[in-house]
Amino acid sequence: MTETSNSLTVGFDIGGTNMRAAVVDGEGRIVDSRSLRSPRDADGMGEGIARLVDLLSRDHEIAAVGVAVAGFLDPACEVVRFAPHLPWRDAPVRAALEERLGLPVRLEHDANSAAWGEYRFGAARGVDTWVLFAVGTGIGATLMTGGEIFRGAYGTAPEFGHLTVVPGGRPCPCGKLGCLERYCSGTALTDSAVEMVHRRRFSGSALAARVRRDPSSVDGLQIMQAARQGDAAGLAVVEEFASWLGRGLSIVSDILDPELILLGGGVSRDADLYLEQTTEQFSSQIVGTGYRPLARVATAELGPDAGMIGVADLARGLVAG
């Protein structure tokens, strides 16, 4: 292994609440990490990133920095066009950070970063054509084929979470109605719980009683916990979630015909509760089922660190050649 291919790089996961940074080696191993609260303005974001790089540089020789962003980037991955939970708008983030840090910087979409991490070091190693479904607050997605991230003509592909599955359905923050992520995401679990509890009694359900008292006090994690404990309302909500997710995966598979679909994101931590139902719905909805090979549906391996590991490895490419 060459010195540059094994050099240490820093990968950032920039969220609306926290920013995390990890020093990653050439084998995808995290050797150190730091975090802080995400600042609310663009200047503060740059200062926060510089602060974490400075802290990590005291103990490690850093060759490059990668930054994973939840938002739209330009095709060259230099400008953050729009990030709904971050203060960047048409911001030349890559150039600004390179000037501030004095290091090469790689900017990348957060789902693409996680997908690259899984492709290089996780569950998608050796797979030619595959899709990542990152299911959290919403749905992030990535298509990889031939070892390359597919970006589309303008750098925004693919937005599977905003496929319209229920015309006139639940409102989505994107401005549309009935998007897939409004039926199978962390926030969708809460919406489904509220709707179901108003339609059905669920006698003896602690979750249903809590929803009736204060719907705002219930989140997706609590619903998954209720389902794990056998709560009737929790089980019903997770069953509906699994059904919608399976339908969504079947649509994607009909269009792209991937070899593998990986489920990542925060909701994937409870995949044992819904993966079997999701796979059954997926196989029953796909065109030509029984007469064609089906994509394997599995969970990602790298967990919440996938984005940092992936974007750090992409940054390594800036100095490895």
C-alpha atoms as a PDB file:
ATOM      1  CA  MET A   1       0.000   0.000   0.000  1.00  0.00           C
ATOM      2  CA  THR A   2       1.381   3.403  -0.916  1.00  0.00           C
ATOM      3  CA  GLU A   3       1.897   6.123   1.658  1.00  0.00           C
ATOM      4  CA  THR A   4      -0.781   8.314   0.065  1.00  0.00           C
ATOM      5  CA  SER A   5      -3.342   5.509  -0.125  1.00  0.00           C
ATOM      6  CA  ASN A   6      -2.872   4.925   3.607  1.00  0.00           C
ATOM      7  CA  SER A   7      -2.745   8.609   4.559  1.00  0.00           C
ATOM      8  CA  LEU A   8      -5.043   9.950   7.238  1.00  0.00           C
ATOM      9  CA  THR A   9      -7.954  12.085   6.126  1.00  0.00           C
ATOM     10  CA  VAL A  10     -10.830  13.718   7.979  1.00  0.00           C
ATOM     11  CA  GLY A  11     -14.460  13.055   7.113  1.00  0.00           C
ATOM     12  CA  PHE A  12     -17.238  15.391   8.255  1.00  0.00           C
ATOM     13  CA  ASP A  13     -20.903  14.565   8.728  1.00  0.00           C
ATOM     14  CA  ILE A  14     -22.667  17.941   8.839  1.00  0.00           C
ATOM     15  CA  GLY A  15     -26.142  17.798  10.340  1.00  0.00           C
ATOM     16  CA  GLY A  16     -28.622  20.455  11.325  1.00  0.00           C
ATOM     17  CA  THR A  17     -27.961  19.761  15.021  1.00  0.00           C
ATOM     18  CA  ASN A  18     -24.375  18.502  15.226  1.00  0.00           C
ATOM     19  CA  MET A  19     -21.277  18.275  13.080  1.00  0.00           C
ATOM     20  CA  ARG A  20     -19.078  15.220  13.529  1.00  0.00           C
ATOM     21  CA  ALA A  21     -15.537  14.751  12.282  1.00  0.00           C
ATOM     22  CA  ALA A  22     -13.467  11.568  12.167  1.00  0.00           C
ATOM     23  CA  VAL A  23      -9.876  10.778  11.258  1.00  0.00           C
ATOM     24  CA  VAL A  24     -10.012   7.776   8.921  1.00  0.00           C
ATOM     25  CA  ASP A  25      -7.155   5.595   7.684  1.00  0.00           C
ATOM     26  CA  GLY A  26      -6.780   3.895   4.306  1.00  0.00           C
ATOM     27  CA  GLU A  27      -8.633   0.787   5.499  1.00  0.00           C
ATOM     28  CA  GLY A  28     -11.725   2.748   6.472  1.00  0.00           C
ATOM     29  CA  ARG A  29     -10.987   2.607  10.191  1.00  0.00           C
ATOM     30  CA  ILE A  30     -11.848   5.562  12.430  1.00  0.00           C
ATOM     31  CA  VAL A  31      -8.817   6.360  14.573  1.00  0.00           C
ATOM     32  CA  ASP A  32     -10.108   9.522  16.253  1.00  0.00           C
ATOM     33  CA  SER A  33     -13.226  11.699  16.264  1.00  0.00           C
ATOM     34  CA  ARG A  34     -14.680  14.940  17.588  1.00  0.00           C
ATOM     35  CA  SER A  35     -18.042  16.720  17.430  1.00  0.00           C
ATOM     36  CA  LEU A  36     -19.713  20.016  18.244  1.00  0.00           C
ATOM     37  CA  ARG A  37     -23.056  21.747  17.818  1.00  0.00           C
ATOM     38  CA  SER A  38     -23.694  22.938  14.281  1.00  0.00           C
ATOM     39  CA  PRO A  39     -23.510  26.753  14.057  1.00  0.00           C
ATOM     40  CA  ARG A  40     -26.521  28.581  12.636  1.00  0.00           C
ATOM     41  CA  ASP A  41     -24.738  30.821  10.103  1.00  0.00           C
ATOM     42  CA  ALA A  42     -22.397  30.179   7.180  1.00  0.00           C
ATOM     43  CA  ASP A  43     -19.365  31.856   8.775  1.00  0.00           C
ATOM     44  CA  GLY A  44     -19.899  29.840  11.919  1.00  0.00           C
ATOM     45  CA  MET A  45     -20.011  26.625   9.907  1.00  0.00           C
ATOM     46  CA  GLY A  46     -16.607  27.358   8.423  1.00  0.00           C
ATOM     47  CA  GLU A  47     -15.225  28.233  11.837  1.00  0.00           C
ATOM     48  CA  GLY A  48     -16.624  25.037  13.344  1.00  0.00           C
ATOM     49  CA  ILE A  49     -15.090  22.867  10.638  1.00  0.00           C
ATOM     50  CA  ALA A  50     -11.740  24.632  11.042  1.00  0.00           C
ATOM     51  CA  ARG A  51     -11.883  24.176  14.808  1.00  0.00           C
ATOM     52  CA  LEU A  52     -12.432  20.427  14.563  1.00  0.00           C
ATOM     53  CA  VAL A  53      -9.708  20.018  11.941  1.00  0.00           C
ATOM     54  CA  ASP A  54      -7.332  21.953  14.188  1.00  0.00           C
ATOM     55  CA  LEU A  55      -8.159  19.735  17.173  1.00  0.00           C
ATOM     56  CA  LEU A  56      -7.646  16.540  15.187  1.00  0.00           C
ATOM     57  CA  SER A  57      -4.470  17.848  13.546  1.00  0.00           C
ATOM     58  CA  ARG A  58      -2.791  18.177  16.940  1.00  0.00           C
ATOM     59  CA  ASP A  59      -2.515  14.388  17.188  1.00  0.00           C
ATOM     60  CA  HIS A  60      -2.619  13.327  13.517  1.00  0.00           C
ATOM     61  CA  GLU A  61      -1.027  14.394  10.240  1.00  0.00           C
ATOM     62  CA  ILE A  62      -4.047  15.173   8.052  1.00  0.00           C
ATOM     63  CA  ALA A  63      -3.673  14.965   4.261  1.00  0.00           C
ATOM     64  CA  ALA A  64      -7.150  16.078   3.125  1.00  0.00           C
ATOM     65  CA  VAL A  65     -10.673  16.796   4.344  1.00  0.00           C
ATOM     66  CA  GLY A  66     -14.021  15.498   3.117  1.00  0.00           C
ATOM     67  CA  VAL A  67     -17.368  17.101   3.953  1.00  0.00           C
ATOM     68  CA  ALA A  68     -20.685  15.249   3.588  1.00  0.00           C
ATOM     69  CA  VAL A  69     -23.675  17.587   3.192  1.00  0.00           C
ATOM     70  CA  ALA A  70     -27.405  16.883   3.184  1.00  0.00           C
ATOM     71  CA  GLY A  71     -28.429  19.091   0.282  1.00  0.00           C
ATOM     72  CA  PHE A  72     -28.107  19.863  -3.410  1.00  0.00           C
ATOM     73  CA  LEU A  73     -24.598  20.321  -4.800  1.00  0.00           C
ATOM     74  CA  ASP A  74     -23.517  21.492  -8.228  1.00  0.00           C
ATOM     75  CA  PRO A  75     -22.329  18.697 -10.598  1.00  0.00           C
ATOM     76  CA  ALA A  76     -18.674  19.481  -9.813  1.00  0.00           C
ATOM     77  CA  CYS A  77     -19.333  19.114  -6.053  1.00  0.00           C
ATOM     78  CA  GLU A  78     -17.912  22.543  -5.301  1.00  0.00           C
ATOM     79  CA  VAL A  79     -21.003  24.628  -4.487  1.00  0.00           C
ATOM     80  CA  VAL A  80     -23.797  23.859  -2.021  1.00  0.00           C
ATOM     81  CA  ARG A  81     -26.860  25.038  -3.924  1.00  0.00           C
ATOM     82  CA  PHE A  82     -29.387  24.381  -1.179  1.00  0.00           C
ATOM     83  CA  ALA A  83     -29.271  22.544   2.139  1.00  0.00           C
ATOM     84  CA  PRO A  84     -32.615  22.672   3.970  1.00  0.00           C
ATOM     85  CA  HIS A  85     -31.160  22.276   7.472  1.00  0.00           C
ATOM     86  CA  LEU A  86     -27.907  24.208   6.946  1.00  0.00           C
ATOM     87  CA  PRO A  87     -27.181  27.916   6.307  1.00  0.00           C
ATOM     88  CA  TRP A  88     -25.487  27.427   2.916  1.00  0.00           C
ATOM     89  CA  ARG A  89     -27.272  28.835  -0.167  1.00  0.00           C
ATOM     90  CA  ASP A  90     -25.379  28.898  -3.495  1.00  0.00           C
ATOM     91  CA  ALA A  91     -22.233  28.850  -1.379  1.00  0.00           C
ATOM     92  CA  PRO A  92     -18.790  27.972  -2.856  1.00  0.00           C
ATOM     93  CA  VAL A  93     -18.059  25.820   0.169  1.00  0.00           C
ATOM     94  CA  ARG A  94     -15.194  23.783  -1.258  1.00  0.00           C
ATOM     95  CA  ALA A  95     -13.069  26.790  -2.256  1.00  0.00           C
ATOM     96  CA  ALA A  96     -13.834  28.622   0.984  1.00  0.00           C
ATOM     97  CA  LEU A  97     -12.817  25.641   3.104  1.00  0.00           C
ATOM     98  CA  GLU A  98      -9.649  24.968   1.117  1.00  0.00           C
ATOM     99  CA  GLU A  99      -8.598  28.571   1.666  1.00  0.00           C
ATOM    100  CA  ARG A 100      -9.417  28.444   5.371  1.00  0.00           C
ATOM    101  CA  LEU A 101      -7.887  25.025   6.083  1.00  0.00           C
ATOM    102  CA  GLY A 102      -4.939  25.026   3.703  1.00  0.00           C
ATOM    103  CA  LEU A 103      -5.818  21.435   2.767  1.00  0.00           C
ATOM    104  CA  PRO A 104      -7.486  19.735  -0.220  1.00  0.00           C
ATOM    105  CA  VAL A 105     -11.245  19.456   0.370  1.00  0.00           C
ATOM    106  CA  ARG A 106     -13.772  17.052  -1.151  1.00  0.00           C
ATOM    107  CA  LEU A 107     -17.448  18.021  -0.958  1.00  0.00           C
ATOM    108  CA  GLU A 108     -20.113  15.343  -1.386  1.00  0.00           C
ATOM    109  CA  HIS A 109     -23.794  14.629  -0.791  1.00  0.00           C
ATOM    110  CA  ASP A 110     -24.342  12.778   2.489  1.00  0.00           C
ATOM    111  CA  ALA A 111     -26.099   9.754   0.988  1.00  0.00           C
ATOM    112  CA  ASN A 112     -23.440   9.468  -1.716  1.00  0.00           C
ATOM    113  CA  SER A 113     -20.774   9.607   0.970  1.00  0.00           C
ATOM    114  CA  ALA A 114     -22.433   6.807   2.928  1.00  0.00           C
ATOM    115  CA  ALA A 115     -22.830   4.758  -0.244  1.00  0.00           C
ATOM    116  CA  TRP A 116     -19.153   5.170  -1.094  1.00  0.00           C
ATOM    117  CA  GLY A 117     -18.245   4.014   2.410  1.00  0.00           C
ATOM    118  CA  GLU A 118     -20.363   0.878   2.021  1.00  0.00           C
ATOM    119  CA  TYR A 119     -18.929   0.234  -1.457  1.00  0.00           C
ATOM    120  CA  ARG A 120     -15.321   0.524  -0.302  1.00  0.00           C
ATOM    121  CA  PHE A 121     -15.484  -0.983   3.171  1.00  0.00           C
ATOM    122  CA  GLY A 122     -18.969  -2.316   3.907  1.00  0.00           C
ATOM    123  CA  ALA A 123     -21.863  -4.381   2.617  1.00  0.00           C
ATOM    124  CA  ALA A 124     -21.586  -3.341  -1.064  1.00  0.00           C
ATOM    125  CA  ARG A 125     -17.967  -4.377  -1.663  1.00  0.00           C
ATOM    126  CA  GLY A 126     -17.639  -6.037  -5.056  1.00  0.00           C
ATOM    127  CA  VAL A 127     -21.199  -5.183  -6.169  1.00  0.00           C
ATOM    128  CA  ASP A 128     -21.475  -3.558  -9.610  1.00  0.00           C
ATOM    129  CA  THR A 129     -24.981  -2.048  -9.663  1.00  0.00           C
ATOM    130  CA  TRP A 130     -26.702  -1.255  -6.405  1.00  0.00           C
ATOM    131  CA  VAL A 131     -28.830   1.285  -4.543  1.00  0.00           C
ATOM    132  CA  LEU A 132     -28.588   2.767  -1.060  1.00  0.00           C
ATOM    133  CA  PHE A 133     -31.840   3.728   0.667  1.00  0.00           C
ATOM    134  CA  ALA A 134     -30.870   5.873   3.662  1.00  0.00           C
ATOM    135  CA  VAL A 135     -34.044   5.964   5.752  1.00  0.00           C
ATOM    136  CA  GLY A 136     -34.002   8.532   8.543  1.00  0.00           C
ATOM    137  CA  THR A 137     -36.022  11.714   8.976  1.00  0.00           C
ATOM    138  CA  GLY A 138     -36.581  11.430   5.216  1.00  0.00           C
ATOM    139  CA  ILE A 139     -35.095   9.200   2.526  1.00  0.00           C
ATOM    140  CA  GLY A 140     -31.710   9.811   0.965  1.00  0.00           C
ATOM    141  CA  ALA A 141     -30.668   7.620  -1.928  1.00  0.00           C
ATOM    142  CA  THR A 142     -27.697   6.780  -4.112  1.00  0.00           C
ATOM    143  CA  LEU A 143     -27.263   4.698  -7.249  1.00  0.00           C
ATOM    144  CA  MET A 144     -23.821   3.240  -7.911  1.00  0.00           C
ATOM    145  CA  THR A 145     -22.860   1.380 -11.064  1.00  0.00           C
ATOM    146  CA  GLY A 146     -19.441   0.272 -12.226  1.00  0.00           C
ATOM    147  CA  GLY A 147     -17.827   1.775  -9.154  1.00  0.00           C
ATOM    148  CA  GLU A 148     -19.179   5.254  -9.939  1.00  0.00           C
ATOM    149  CA  ILE A 149     -21.806   7.403  -8.229  1.00  0.00           C
ATOM    150  CA  PHE A 150     -24.630   8.240 -10.640  1.00  0.00           C
ATOM    151  CA  ARG A 151     -25.477  11.935 -10.376  1.00  0.00           C
ATOM    152  CA  GLY A 152     -27.771  12.669 -13.324  1.00  0.00           C
ATOM    153  CA  ALA A 153     -27.392  15.579 -15.721  1.00  0.00           C
ATOM    154  CA  TYR A 154     -27.501  18.296 -13.046  1.00  0.00           C
ATOM    155  CA  GLY A 155     -26.116  16.516 -10.005  1.00  0.00           C
ATOM    156  CA  THR A 156     -29.348  15.964  -8.055  1.00  0.00           C
ATOM    157  CA  ALA A 157     -30.164  12.317  -8.822  1.00  0.00           C
ATOM    158  CA  PRO A 158     -31.675  10.188  -7.429  1.00  0.00           C
ATOM    159  CA  GLU A 159     -34.511  11.536  -5.282  1.00  0.00           C
ATOM    160  CA  PHE A 160     -36.408   8.298  -4.700  1.00  0.00           C
ATOM    161  CA  GLY A 161     -37.863   9.656  -1.472  1.00  0.00           C
ATOM    162  CA  HIS A 162     -39.844  12.190  -3.491  1.00  0.00           C
ATOM    163  CA  LEU A 163     -41.504   9.765  -5.870  1.00  0.00           C
ATOM    164  CA  THR A 164     -45.238  10.473  -5.657  1.00  0.00           C
ATOM    165  CA  VAL A 165     -46.909   7.308  -4.370  1.00  0.00           C
ATOM    166  CA  VAL A 166     -50.194   8.816  -3.108  1.00  0.00           C
ATOM    167  CA  PRO A 167     -51.506  11.609  -5.365  1.00  0.00           C
ATOM    168  CA  GLY A 168     -52.897  14.324  -3.111  1.00  0.00           C
ATOM    169  CA  GLY A 169     -51.474  12.543  -0.055  1.00  0.00           C
ATOM    170  CA  ARG A 170     -49.530  13.759   2.934  1.00  0.00           C
ATOM    171  CA  PRO A 171     -47.775  17.114   2.465  1.00  0.00           C
ATOM    172  CA  CYS A 172     -43.996  16.930   2.141  1.00  0.00           C
ATOM    173  CA  PRO A 173     -41.489  19.664   3.084  1.00  0.00           C
ATOM    174  CA  CYS A 174     -40.339  19.581  -0.546  1.00  0.00           C
ATOM    175  CA  GLY A 175     -43.659  21.194  -1.509  1.00  0.00           C
ATOM    176  CA  LYS A 176     -45.256  18.135  -3.104  1.00  0.00           C
ATOM    177  CA  LEU A 177     -47.990  15.849  -1.818  1.00  0.00           C
ATOM    178  CA  GLY A 178     -47.800  12.102  -1.293  1.00  0.00           C
ATOM    179  CA  CYS A 179     -44.028  11.570  -1.535  1.00  0.00           C
ATOM    180  CA  LEU A 180     -42.704   8.122  -0.647  1.00  0.00           C
ATOM    181  CA  GLU A 181     -40.764   9.434   2.344  1.00  0.00           C
ATOM    182  CA  ARG A 182     -43.999  10.677   3.889  1.00  0.00           C
ATOM    183  CA  TYR A 183     -45.017   7.008   4.279  1.00  0.00           C
ATOM    184  CA  CYS A 184     -41.773   5.177   5.120  1.00  0.00           C
ATOM    185  CA  SER A 185     -39.370   7.338   7.121  1.00  0.00           C
ATOM    186  CA  GLY A 186     -38.816   8.250  10.744  1.00  0.00           C
ATOM    187  CA  THR A 187     -41.279  11.131  10.578  1.00  0.00           C
ATOM    188  CA  ALA A 188     -43.739   8.988   8.626  1.00  0.00           C
ATOM    189  CA  LEU A 189     -43.894   6.547  11.530  1.00  0.00           C
ATOM    190  CA  THR A 190     -45.252   9.311  13.754  1.00  0.00           C
ATOM    191  CA  ASP A 191     -47.767  10.492  11.158  1.00  0.00           C
ATOM    192  CA  SER A 192     -48.976   6.931  10.640  1.00  0.00           C
ATOM    193  CA  ALA A 193     -49.344   6.387  14.383  1.00  0.00           C
ATOM    194  CA  VAL A 194     -51.520   9.484  14.760  1.00  0.00           C
ATOM    195  CA  GLU A 195     -53.699   8.517  11.792  1.00  0.00           C
ATOM    196  CA  MET A 196     -54.123   4.909  12.947  1.00  0.00           C
ATOM    197  CA  VAL A 197     -54.958   5.789  16.531  1.00  0.00           C
ATOM    198  CA  HIS A 198     -57.746   8.049  15.280  1.00  0.00           C
ATOM    199  CA  ARG A 199     -59.130   5.222  13.135  1.00  0.00           C
ATOM    200  CA  ARG A 200     -58.761   2.264  15.523  1.00  0.00           C
ATOM    201  CA  ARG A 201     -59.091   1.725  19.262  1.00  0.00           C
ATOM    202  CA  PHE A 202     -56.014  -0.448  19.990  1.00  0.00           C
ATOM    203  CA  SER A 203     -57.300  -1.512  23.414  1.00  0.00           C
ATOM    204  CA  GLY A 204     -54.473  -1.933  25.904  1.00  0.00           C
ATOM    205  CA  SER A 205     -51.905  -0.185  23.721  1.00  0.00           C
ATOM    206  CA  ALA A 206     -49.624   2.105  25.724  1.00  0.00           C
ATOM    207  CA  LEU A 207     -48.458   3.728  22.496  1.00  0.00           C
ATOM    208  CA  ALA A 208     -52.024   4.532  21.418  1.00  0.00           C
ATOM    209  CA  ALA A 209     -52.768   6.040  24.828  1.00  0.00           C
ATOM    210  CA  ARG A 210     -49.675   8.224  24.595  1.00  0.00           C
ATOM    211  CA  VAL A 211     -50.551   9.372  21.082  1.00  0.00           C
ATOM    212  CA  ARG A 212     -54.034  10.356  22.235  1.00  0.00           C
ATOM    213  CA  ARG A 213     -52.635  12.334  25.167  1.00  0.00           C
ATOM    214  CA  ASP A 214     -49.902  14.177  23.282  1.00  0.00           C
ATOM    215  CA  PRO A 215     -49.066  13.234  19.673  1.00  0.00           C
ATOM    216  CA  SER A 216     -46.039  15.545  19.678  1.00  0.00           C
ATOM    217  CA  SER A 217     -44.410  13.454  22.423  1.00  0.00           C
ATOM    218  CA  VAL A 218     -44.092  10.390  20.178  1.00  0.00           C
ATOM    219  CA  ASP A 219     -41.245   9.813  17.735  1.00  0.00           C
ATOM    220  CA  GLY A 220     -40.142   7.051  15.390  1.00  0.00           C
ATOM    221  CA  LEU A 221     -37.723   5.501  17.877  1.00  0.00           C
ATOM    222  CA  GLN A 222     -40.462   5.148  20.491  1.00  0.00           C
ATOM    223  CA  ILE A 223     -42.759   3.548  17.929  1.00  0.00           C
ATOM    224  CA  MET A 224     -40.084   0.995  17.032  1.00  0.00           C
ATOM    225  CA  GLN A 225     -39.549   0.287  20.734  1.00  0.00           C
ATOM    226  CA  ALA A 226     -43.286  -0.205  21.215  1.00  0.00           C
ATOM    227  CA  ALA A 227     -43.396  -2.650  18.309  1.00  0.00           C
ATOM    228  CA  ARG A 228     -40.443  -4.552  19.766  1.00  0.00           C
ATOM    229  CA  GLN A 229     -42.383  -4.884  23.023  1.00  0.00           C
ATOM    230  CA  GLY A 230     -45.411  -6.281  21.172  1.00  0.00           C
ATOM    231  CA  ASP A 231     -47.596  -3.170  21.463  1.00  0.00           C
ATOM    232  CA  ALA A 232     -50.519  -3.575  19.035  1.00  0.00           C
ATOM    233  CA  ALA A 233     -50.415  -0.012  17.730  1.00  0.00           C
ATOM    234  CA  GLY A 234     -46.639  -0.122  17.325  1.00  0.00           C
ATOM    235  CA  LEU A 235     -46.829  -3.377  15.381  1.00  0.00           C
ATOM    236  CA  ALA A 236     -49.550  -1.985  13.095  1.00  0.00           C
ATOM    237  CA  VAL A 237     -47.563   1.166  12.333  1.00  0.00           C
ATOM    238  CA  VAL A 238     -44.389  -0.788  11.567  1.00  0.00           C
ATOM    239  CA  GLU A 239     -46.354  -3.169   9.346  1.00  0.00           C
ATOM    240  CA  GLU A 240     -47.651  -0.230   7.303  1.00  0.00           C
ATOM    241  CA  PHE A 241     -44.142   1.242   7.147  1.00  0.00           C
ATOM    242  CA  ALA A 242     -42.767  -2.074   5.848  1.00  0.00           C
ATOM    243  CA  SER A 243     -45.484  -2.277   3.209  1.00  0.00           C
ATOM    244  CA  TRP A 244     -44.739   1.188   1.853  1.00  0.00           C
ATOM    245  CA  LEU A 245     -40.999   0.610   1.917  1.00  0.00           C
ATOM    246  CA  GLY A 246     -41.396  -2.637  -0.003  1.00  0.00           C
ATOM    247  CA  ARG A 247     -43.516  -0.894  -2.620  1.00  0.00           C
ATOM    248  CA  GLY A 248     -40.949   1.869  -2.949  1.00  0.00           C
ATOM    249  CA  LEU A 249     -38.127  -0.616  -3.407  1.00  0.00           C
ATOM    250  CA  SER A 250     -40.127  -2.453  -6.074  1.00  0.00           C
ATOM    251  CA  ILE A 251     -40.571   0.773  -8.065  1.00  0.00           C
ATOM    252  CA  VAL A 252     -36.847   1.486  -7.890  1.00  0.00           C
ATOM    253  CA  SER A 253     -35.998  -2.081  -8.862  1.00  0.00           C
ATOM    254  CA  ASP A 254     -38.404  -2.026 -11.807  1.00  0.00           C
ATOM    255  CA  ILE A 255     -36.645   1.088 -13.109  1.00  0.00           C
ATOM    256  CA  LEU A 256     -33.001   0.290 -12.326  1.00  0.00           C
ATOM    257  CA  ASP A 257     -32.769  -3.514 -11.922  1.00  0.00           C
ATOM    258  CA  PRO A 258     -30.023  -3.391  -9.250  1.00  0.00           C
ATOM    259  CA  GLU A 259     -28.222  -6.391  -7.836  1.00  0.00           C
ATOM    260  CA  LEU A 260     -28.430  -5.099  -4.275  1.00  0.00           C
ATOM    261  CA  ILE A 261     -30.530  -2.626  -2.275  1.00  0.00           C
ATOM    262  CA  LEU A 262     -28.998  -1.567   1.028  1.00  0.00           C
ATOM    263  CA  LEU A 263     -31.082  -0.021   3.788  1.00  0.00           C
ATOM    264  CA  GLY A 264     -29.151   2.552   5.807  1.00  0.00           C
ATOM    265  CA  GLY A 265     -29.976   5.554   7.953  1.00  0.00           C
ATOM    266  CA  GLY A 266     -31.232   5.703  11.507  1.00  0.00           C
ATOM    267  CA  VAL A 267     -34.371   3.629  10.936  1.00  0.00           C
ATOM    268  CA  SER A 268     -32.265   0.710   9.671  1.00  0.00           C
ATOM    269  CA  ARG A 269     -31.146   0.039  13.254  1.00  0.00           C
ATOM    270  CA  ASP A 270     -34.521  -1.636  13.800  1.00  0.00           C
ATOM    271  CA  ALA A 271     -34.575  -3.468  10.464  1.00  0.00           C
ATOM    272  CA  ASP A 272     -35.100  -6.813  12.204  1.00  0.00           C
ATOM    273  CA  LEU A 273     -38.638  -5.607  12.950  1.00  0.00           C
ATOM    274  CA  TYR A 274     -39.615  -4.979   9.334  1.00  0.00           C
ATOM    275  CA  LEU A 275     -37.070  -6.400   6.872  1.00  0.00           C
ATOM    276  CA  GLU A 276     -38.917  -9.679   6.290  1.00  0.00           C
ATOM    277  CA  GLN A 277     -42.238  -7.903   5.647  1.00  0.00           C
ATOM    278  CA  THR A 278     -40.509  -5.344   3.429  1.00  0.00           C
ATOM    279  CA  THR A 279     -38.858  -8.054   1.345  1.00  0.00           C
ATOM    280  CA  GLU A 280     -42.148  -9.931   0.973  1.00  0.00           C
ATOM    281  CA  GLN A 281     -43.921  -6.782  -0.221  1.00  0.00           C
ATOM    282  CA  PHE A 282     -41.009  -5.968  -2.520  1.00  0.00           C
ATOM    283  CA  SER A 283     -41.044  -9.381  -4.195  1.00  0.00           C
ATOM    284  CA  SER A 284     -44.840  -9.385  -4.576  1.00  0.00           C
ATOM    285  CA  GLN A 285     -44.970  -5.934  -6.194  1.00  0.00           C
ATOM    286  CA  ILE A 286     -42.077  -6.122  -8.647  1.00  0.00           C
ATOM    287  CA  VAL A 287     -42.895  -6.717 -12.316  1.00  0.00           C
ATOM    288  CA  GLY A 288     -42.220 -10.274 -13.460  1.00  0.00           C
ATOM    289  CA  THR A 289     -41.717 -11.713 -10.007  1.00  0.00           C
ATOM    290  CA  GLY A 290     -40.959 -15.412 -10.265  1.00  0.00           C
ATOM    291  CA  TYR A 291     -39.517 -14.994 -13.756  1.00  0.00           C
ATOM    292  CA  ARG A 292     -36.538 -12.737 -13.061  1.00  0.00           C
ATOM    293  CA  PRO A 293     -33.707 -12.416 -10.558  1.00  0.00           C
ATOM    294  CA  LEU A 294     -34.600 -10.113  -7.678  1.00  0.00           C
ATOM    295  CA  ALA A 295     -32.312  -7.637  -5.985  1.00  0.00           C
ATOM    296  CA  ARG A 296     -31.032  -8.723  -2.607  1.00  0.00           C
ATOM    297  CA  VAL A 297     -32.356  -6.431   0.134  1.00  0.00           C
ATOM    298  CA  ALA A 298     -30.010  -6.080   3.114  1.00  0.00           C
ATOM    299  CA  THR A 299     -28.949  -3.627   5.798  1.00  0.00           C
ATOM    300  CA  ALA A 300     -25.848  -1.454   5.590  1.00  0.00           C
ATOM    301  CA  GLU A 301     -22.842  -2.412   7.718  1.00  0.00           C
ATOM    302  CA  LEU A 302     -21.144   0.853   8.674  1.00  0.00           C
ATOM    303  CA  GLY A 303     -24.020   2.434  10.571  1.00  0.00           C
ATOM    304  CA  PRO A 304     -24.090   6.174  11.307  1.00  0.00           C
ATOM    305  CA  ASP A 305     -20.356   6.502  10.536  1.00  0.00           C
ATOM    306  CA  ALA A 306     -20.731   5.485   6.878  1.00  0.00           C
ATOM    307  CA  GLY A 307     -20.871   9.063   5.593  1.00  0.00           C
ATOM    308  CA  MET A 308     -17.742  10.169   7.441  1.00  0.00           C
ATOM    309  CA  ILE A 309     -15.820   7.067   6.371  1.00  0.00           C
ATOM    310  CA  GLY A 310     -16.947   7.422   2.766  1.00  0.00           C
ATOM    311  CA  VAL A 311     -16.233  11.116   2.318  1.00  0.00           C
ATOM    312  CA  ALA A 312     -12.859  10.748   4.049  1.00  0.00           C
ATOM    313  CA  ASP A 313     -11.971   8.050   1.515  1.00  0.00           C
ATOM    314  CA  LEU A 314     -13.134  10.250  -1.364  1.00  0.00           C
ATOM    315  CA  ALA A 315     -10.934  13.037   0.002  1.00  0.00           C
ATOM    316  CA  ARG A 316      -8.010  10.618   0.026  1.00  0.00           C
ATOM    317  CA  GLY A 317      -8.378  10.426  -3.743  1.00  0.00           C
ATOM    318  CA  LEU A 318      -7.323  14.084  -3.931  1.00  0.00           C
ATOM    319  CA  VAL A 319      -3.843  13.212  -2.662  1.00  0.00           C
ATOM    320  CA  ALA A 320      -3.417   9.580  -3.743  1.00  0.00           C
ATOM    321  CA  GLY A 321      -2.583  10.307  -7.370  1.00  0.00           C
END
